[in-house]
Amino acid sequence: YAAPCGIFKGRERYIVIIAGIDHQF
């Protein structure tokens, strides 16, 4: 229900990023 909010592949490991609200995006 919101994007981007999830787990993203980084260089070495996965990273959680939560930026689903417009100002956060």
PDB file of all heavy atoms in Angstrom:
ATOM      1  N   TYR A   1       0.788  -1.230   0.000  1.00  0.00           N
ATOM      2  CA  TYR A   1       0.000   0.000   0.000  1.00  0.00           C
ATOM      3  C   TYR A   1       0.823   1.284   0.000  1.00  0.00           C
ATOM      4  O   TYR A   1       0.254   2.372  -0.018  1.00  0.00           O
ATOM      5  CB  TYR A   1      -0.976   0.006   1.180  1.00  0.00           C
ATOM      6  CG  TYR A   1      -0.320  -0.232   2.513  1.00  0.00           C
ATOM      7  CD1 TYR A   1       0.219   0.814   3.248  1.00  0.00           C
ATOM      8  CD2 TYR A   1      -0.219  -1.510   3.029  1.00  0.00           C
ATOM      9  CE1 TYR A   1       0.828   0.601   4.462  1.00  0.00           C
ATOM     10  CE2 TYR A   1       0.382  -1.739   4.252  1.00  0.00           C
ATOM     11  CZ  TYR A   1       0.898  -0.682   4.960  1.00  0.00           C
ATOM     12  OH  TYR A   1       1.504  -0.921   6.162  1.00  0.00           O
ATOM     13  N   ALA A   2       2.130   1.197   0.029  1.00  0.00           N
ATOM     14  CA  ALA A   2       2.973   2.391  -0.018  1.00  0.00           C
ATOM     15  C   ALA A   2       4.288   2.035  -0.691  1.00  0.00           C
ATOM     16  O   ALA A   2       4.818   0.948  -0.506  1.00  0.00           O
ATOM     17  CB  ALA A   2       3.225   2.931   1.385  1.00  0.00           C
ATOM     18  N   ALA A   3       4.793   2.979  -1.464  1.00  0.00           N
ATOM     19  CA  ALA A   3       6.055   2.724  -2.163  1.00  0.00           C
ATOM     20  C   ALA A   3       6.882   4.004  -2.202  1.00  0.00           C
ATOM     21  O   ALA A   3       6.334   5.094  -2.363  1.00  0.00           O
ATOM     22  CB  ALA A   3       5.780   2.231  -3.591  1.00  0.00           C
ATOM     23  N   PRO A   4       8.177   3.841  -2.044  1.00  0.00           N
ATOM     24  CA  PRO A   4       8.909   2.618  -1.748  1.00  0.00           C
ATOM     25  C   PRO A   4       8.949   2.326  -0.246  1.00  0.00           C
ATOM     26  O   PRO A   4       9.336   3.175   0.543  1.00  0.00           O
ATOM     27  CB  PRO A   4      10.306   2.913  -2.285  1.00  0.00           C
ATOM     28  CG  PRO A   4      10.462   4.402  -2.146  1.00  0.00           C
ATOM     29  CD  PRO A   4       9.077   4.967  -2.331  1.00  0.00           C
ATOM     30  N   CYS A   5       8.557   1.155   0.101  1.00  0.00           N
ATOM     31  CA  CYS A   5       8.621   0.653   1.487  1.00  0.00           C
ATOM     32  C   CYS A   5       8.933  -0.830   1.417  1.00  0.00           C
ATOM     33  O   CYS A   5       8.046  -1.628   1.097  1.00  0.00           O
ATOM     34  CB  CYS A   5       7.297   0.856   2.219  1.00  0.00           C
ATOM     35  SG  CYS A   5       6.953   2.545   2.669  1.00  0.00           S
ATOM     36  N   GLY A   6      10.188  -1.164   1.667  1.00  0.00           N
ATOM     37  CA  GLY A   6      10.529  -2.571   1.592  1.00  0.00           C
ATOM     38  C   GLY A   6      12.005  -2.824   1.738  1.00  0.00           C
ATOM     39  O   GLY A   6      12.750  -2.008   2.274  1.00  0.00           O
ATOM     40  N   ILE A   7      12.410  -3.966   1.211  1.00  0.00           N
ATOM     41  CA  ILE A   7      13.784  -4.433   1.319  1.00  0.00           C
ATOM     42  C   ILE A   7      14.422  -4.349  -0.072  1.00  0.00           C
ATOM     43  O   ILE A   7      13.907  -4.910  -1.033  1.00  0.00           O
ATOM     44  CB  ILE A   7      13.817  -5.880   1.848  1.00  0.00           C
ATOM     45  CG1 ILE A   7      13.160  -5.944   3.227  1.00  0.00           C
ATOM     46  CG2 ILE A   7      15.238  -6.414   1.890  1.00  0.00           C
ATOM     47  CD1 ILE A   7      12.939  -7.348   3.733  1.00  0.00           C
ATOM     48  N   PHE A   8      15.552  -3.647  -0.131  1.00  0.00           N
ATOM     49  CA  PHE A   8      16.245  -3.419  -1.393  1.00  0.00           C
ATOM     50  C   PHE A   8      17.646  -4.015  -1.326  1.00  0.00           C
ATOM     51  O   PHE A   8      18.308  -3.969  -0.292  1.00  0.00           O
ATOM     52  CB  PHE A   8      16.332  -1.914  -1.676  1.00  0.00           C
ATOM     53  CG  PHE A   8      14.988  -1.268  -1.818  1.00  0.00           C
ATOM     54  CD1 PHE A   8      14.292  -0.830  -0.707  1.00  0.00           C
ATOM     55  CD2 PHE A   8      14.401  -1.125  -3.065  1.00  0.00           C
ATOM     56  CE1 PHE A   8      13.037  -0.247  -0.834  1.00  0.00           C
ATOM     57  CE2 PHE A   8      13.152  -0.550  -3.201  1.00  0.00           C
ATOM     58  CZ  PHE A   8      12.466  -0.115  -2.074  1.00  0.00           C
ATOM     59  N   LYS A   9      18.100  -4.553  -2.453  1.00  0.00           N
ATOM     60  CA  LYS A   9      19.433  -5.165  -2.512  1.00  0.00           C
ATOM     61  C   LYS A   9      20.483  -4.073  -2.582  1.00  0.00           C
ATOM     62  O   LYS A   9      20.508  -3.262  -3.496  1.00  0.00           O
ATOM     63  CB  LYS A   9      19.532  -6.077  -3.730  1.00  0.00           C
ATOM     64  CG  LYS A   9      20.834  -6.852  -3.785  1.00  0.00           C
ATOM     65  CD  LYS A   9      20.752  -7.944  -4.824  1.00  0.00           C
ATOM     66  CE  LYS A   9      21.999  -8.766  -4.958  1.00  0.00           C
ATOM     67  NZ  LYS A   9      22.929  -8.808  -3.888  1.00  0.00           N
ATOM     68  N   GLY A  10      21.352  -4.062  -1.566  1.00  0.00           N
ATOM     69  CA  GLY A  10      22.477  -3.138  -1.550  1.00  0.00           C
ATOM     70  C   GLY A  10      23.712  -3.795  -2.119  1.00  0.00           C
ATOM     71  O   GLY A  10      23.657  -4.883  -2.698  1.00  0.00           O
ATOM     72  N   ARG A  11      24.860  -3.140  -1.946  1.00  0.00           N
ATOM     73  CA  ARG A  11      26.130  -3.712  -2.435  1.00  0.00           C
ATOM     74  C   ARG A  11      26.498  -4.998  -1.713  1.00  0.00           C
ATOM     75  O   ARG A  11      26.942  -5.956  -2.335  1.00  0.00           O
ATOM     76  CB  ARG A  11      27.273  -2.711  -2.241  1.00  0.00           C
ATOM     77  CG  ARG A  11      27.480  -1.789  -3.393  1.00  0.00           C
ATOM     78  CD  ARG A  11      28.672  -0.880  -3.130  1.00  0.00           C
ATOM     79  NE  ARG A  11      29.916  -1.379  -3.677  1.00  0.00           N
ATOM     80  CZ  ARG A  11      30.253  -1.318  -4.944  1.00  0.00           C
ATOM     81  NH1 ARG A  11      29.435  -0.806  -5.816  1.00  0.00           N
ATOM     82  NH2 ARG A  11      31.410  -1.767  -5.349  1.00  0.00           N
ATOM     83  N   GLU A  12      26.345  -4.987  -0.368  1.00  0.00           N
ATOM     84  CA  GLU A  12      26.783  -6.135   0.413  1.00  0.00           C
ATOM     85  C   GLU A  12      25.630  -6.926   1.032  1.00  0.00           C
ATOM     86  O   GLU A  12      25.795  -8.095   1.359  1.00  0.00           O
ATOM     87  CB  GLU A  12      27.689  -5.678   1.573  1.00  0.00           C
ATOM     88  CG  GLU A  12      28.963  -4.978   1.140  1.00  0.00           C
ATOM     89  CD  GLU A  12      28.954  -3.471   1.381  1.00  0.00           C
ATOM     90  OE1 GLU A  12      28.173  -2.979   2.207  1.00  0.00           O
ATOM     91  OE2 GLU A  12      29.750  -2.798   0.717  1.00  0.00           O
ATOM     92  N   ARG A  13      24.494  -6.274   1.241  1.00  0.00           N
ATOM     93  CA  ARG A  13      23.390  -6.924   1.942  1.00  0.00           C
ATOM     94  C   ARG A  13      22.093  -6.198   1.582  1.00  0.00           C
ATOM     95  O   ARG A  13      22.110  -5.237   0.856  1.00  0.00           O
ATOM     96  CB  ARG A  13      23.627  -6.873   3.449  1.00  0.00           C
ATOM     97  CG  ARG A  13      23.639  -5.448   3.984  1.00  0.00           C
ATOM     98  CD  ARG A  13      23.817  -5.310   5.473  1.00  0.00           C
ATOM     99  NE  ARG A  13      23.831  -6.549   6.157  1.00  0.00           N
ATOM    100  CZ  ARG A  13      24.494  -6.813   7.254  1.00  0.00           C
ATOM    101  NH1 ARG A  13      25.196  -5.871   7.821  1.00  0.00           N
ATOM    102  NH2 ARG A  13      24.457  -7.987   7.829  1.00  0.00           N
ATOM    103  N   TYR A  14      21.015  -6.681   2.139  1.00  0.00           N
ATOM    104  CA  TYR A  14      19.738  -6.021   1.912  1.00  0.00           C
ATOM    105  C   TYR A  14      19.553  -4.873   2.896  1.00  0.00           C
ATOM    106  O   TYR A  14      20.056  -4.926   4.025  1.00  0.00           O
ATOM    107  CB  TYR A  14      18.576  -7.014   2.030  1.00  0.00           C
ATOM    108  CG  TYR A  14      18.464  -7.896   0.810  1.00  0.00           C
ATOM    109  CD1 TYR A  14      19.127  -9.109   0.739  1.00  0.00           C
ATOM    110  CD2 TYR A  14      17.718  -7.479  -0.288  1.00  0.00           C
ATOM    111  CE1 TYR A  14      19.045  -9.903  -0.386  1.00  0.00           C
ATOM    112  CE2 TYR A  14      17.631  -8.276  -1.432  1.00  0.00           C
ATOM    113  CZ  TYR A  14      18.298  -9.488  -1.461  1.00  0.00           C
ATOM    114  OH  TYR A  14      18.218 -10.258  -2.585  1.00  0.00           O
ATOM    115  N   ILE A  15      18.837  -3.842   2.443  1.00  0.00           N
ATOM    116  CA  ILE A  15      18.591  -2.645   3.244  1.00  0.00           C
ATOM    117  C   ILE A  15      17.088  -2.360   3.224  1.00  0.00           C
ATOM    118  O   ILE A  15      16.454  -2.398   2.165  1.00  0.00           O
ATOM    119  CB  ILE A  15      19.363  -1.437   2.666  1.00  0.00           C
ATOM    120  CG1 ILE A  15      20.869  -1.711   2.706  1.00  0.00           C
ATOM    121  CG2 ILE A  15      19.011  -0.150   3.406  1.00  0.00           C
ATOM    122  CD1 ILE A  15      21.709  -0.684   1.976  1.00  0.00           C
ATOM    123  N   VAL A  16      16.540  -2.063   4.400  1.00  0.00           N
ATOM    124  CA  VAL A  16      15.142  -1.646   4.491  1.00  0.00           C
ATOM    125  C   VAL A  16      15.098  -0.140   4.263  1.00  0.00           C
ATOM    126  O   VAL A  16      15.841   0.609   4.904  1.00  0.00           O
ATOM    127  CB  VAL A  16      14.554  -1.977   5.887  1.00  0.00           C
ATOM    128  CG1 VAL A  16      13.141  -1.423   6.018  1.00  0.00           C
ATOM    129  CG2 VAL A  16      14.570  -3.468   6.139  1.00  0.00           C
ATOM    130  N   ILE A  17      14.245   0.290   3.351  1.00  0.00           N
ATOM    131  CA  ILE A  17      14.028   1.716   3.096  1.00  0.00           C
ATOM    132  C   ILE A  17      12.538   1.967   3.170  1.00  0.00           C
ATOM    133  O   ILE A  17      11.741   1.258   2.541  1.00  0.00           O
ATOM    134  CB  ILE A  17      14.582   2.155   1.717  1.00  0.00           C
ATOM    135  CG1 ILE A  17      16.088   1.918   1.654  1.00  0.00           C
ATOM    136  CG2 ILE A  17      14.239   3.623   1.438  1.00  0.00           C
ATOM    137  CD1 ILE A  17      16.706   2.195   0.285  1.00  0.00           C
ATOM    138  N   ILE A  18      12.161   2.975   3.949  1.00  0.00           N
ATOM    139  CA  ILE A  18      10.746   3.324   4.104  1.00  0.00           C
ATOM    140  C   ILE A  18      10.585   4.772   3.674  1.00  0.00           C
ATOM    141  O   ILE A  18      10.971   5.700   4.395  1.00  0.00           O
ATOM    142  CB  ILE A  18      10.289   3.127   5.558  1.00  0.00           C
ATOM    143  CG1 ILE A  18      10.494   1.666   5.950  1.00  0.00           C
ATOM    144  CG2 ILE A  18       8.847   3.561   5.738  1.00  0.00           C
ATOM    145  CD1 ILE A  18      10.243   1.360   7.392  1.00  0.00           C
ATOM    146  N   ALA A  19      10.026   4.985   2.492  1.00  0.00           N
ATOM    147  CA  ALA A  19       9.858   6.331   1.955  1.00  0.00           C
ATOM    148  C   ALA A  19       8.561   6.420   1.153  1.00  0.00           C
ATOM    149  O   ALA A  19       8.519   6.992   0.070  1.00  0.00           O
ATOM    150  CB  ALA A  19      11.064   6.718   1.101  1.00  0.00           C
ATOM    151  N   GLY A  20       7.489   5.843   1.676  1.00  0.00           N
ATOM    152  CA  GLY A  20       6.225   5.792   0.948  1.00  0.00           C
ATOM    153  C   GLY A  20       5.399   7.061   0.994  1.00  0.00           C
ATOM    154  O   GLY A  20       4.486   7.237   0.203  1.00  0.00           O
ATOM    155  N   ILE A  21       5.696   7.960   1.918  1.00  0.00           N
ATOM    156  CA  ILE A  21       4.978   9.231   1.987  1.00  0.00           C
ATOM    157  C   ILE A  21       5.653  10.185   1.011  1.00  0.00           C
ATOM    158  O   ILE A  21       6.881  10.174   0.859  1.00  0.00           O
ATOM    159  CB  ILE A  21       5.005   9.775   3.427  1.00  0.00           C
ATOM    160  CG1 ILE A  21       4.351   8.758   4.374  1.00  0.00           C
ATOM    161  CG2 ILE A  21       4.330  11.125   3.528  1.00  0.00           C
ATOM    162  CD1 ILE A  21       4.518   9.073   5.836  1.00  0.00           C
ATOM    163  N   ASP A  22       4.862  11.026   0.356  1.00  0.00           N
ATOM    164  CA  ASP A  22       5.393  11.877  -0.722  1.00  0.00           C
ATOM    165  C   ASP A  22       6.630  12.667  -0.309  1.00  0.00           C
ATOM    166  O   ASP A  22       7.610  12.712  -1.046  1.00  0.00           O
ATOM    167  CB  ASP A  22       4.307  12.813  -1.243  1.00  0.00           C
ATOM    168  CG  ASP A  22       3.238  12.072  -2.040  1.00  0.00           C
ATOM    169  OD1 ASP A  22       3.496  10.933  -2.492  1.00  0.00           O
ATOM    170  OD2 ASP A  22       2.134  12.628  -2.199  1.00  0.00           O
ATOM    171  N   HIS A  23       6.606  13.307   0.860  1.00  0.00           N
ATOM    172  CA  HIS A  23       7.780  14.105   1.244  1.00  0.00           C
ATOM    173  C   HIS A  23       8.991  13.215   1.507  1.00  0.00           C
ATOM    174  O   HIS A  23      10.120  13.611   1.238  1.00  0.00           O
ATOM    175  CB  HIS A  23       7.477  15.027   2.438  1.00  0.00           C
ATOM    176  CG  HIS A  23       7.478  14.354   3.766  1.00  0.00           C
ATOM    177  ND1 HIS A  23       6.382  13.706   4.283  1.00  0.00           N
ATOM    178  CD2 HIS A  23       8.468  14.211   4.675  1.00  0.00           C
ATOM    179  CE1 HIS A  23       6.690  13.205   5.464  1.00  0.00           C
ATOM    180  NE2 HIS A  23       7.940  13.489   5.734  1.00  0.00           N
ATOM    181  N   GLN A  24       8.768  11.997   2.005  1.00  0.00           N
ATOM    182  CA  GLN A  24       9.895  11.079   2.199  1.00  0.00           C
ATOM    183  C   GLN A  24      10.455  10.627   0.859  1.00  0.00           C
ATOM    184  O   GLN A  24      11.665  10.472   0.703  1.00  0.00           O
ATOM    185  CB  GLN A  24       9.475   9.858   3.017  1.00  0.00           C
ATOM    186  CG  GLN A  24       9.230  10.146   4.478  1.00  0.00           C
ATOM    187  CD  GLN A  24       8.732   8.915   5.204  1.00  0.00           C
ATOM    188  OE1 GLN A  24       7.982   8.118   4.649  1.00  0.00           O
ATOM    189  NE2 GLN A  24       9.139   8.782   6.454  1.00  0.00           N
ATOM    190  N   PHE A  25       9.554  10.410  -0.108  1.00  0.00           N
ATOM    191  CA  PHE A  25      10.036  10.005  -1.419  1.00  0.00           C
ATOM    192  C   PHE A  25      10.885  11.112  -2.037  1.00  0.00           C
ATOM    193  O   PHE A  25      11.937  10.841  -2.628  1.00  0.00           O
ATOM    194  CB  PHE A  25       8.877   9.639  -2.352  1.00  0.00           C
ATOM    195  CG  PHE A  25       9.354   9.215  -3.711  1.00  0.00           C
ATOM    196  CD1 PHE A  25      10.100   8.055  -3.875  1.00  0.00           C
ATOM    197  CD2 PHE A  25       9.096   9.996  -4.829  1.00  0.00           C
ATOM    198  CE1 PHE A  25      10.569   7.668  -5.118  1.00  0.00           C
ATOM    199  CE2 PHE A  25       9.556   9.619  -6.081  1.00  0.00           C
ATOM    200  CZ  PHE A  25      10.301   8.449  -6.223  1.00  0.00           C
TER     201      PHE A  25
END
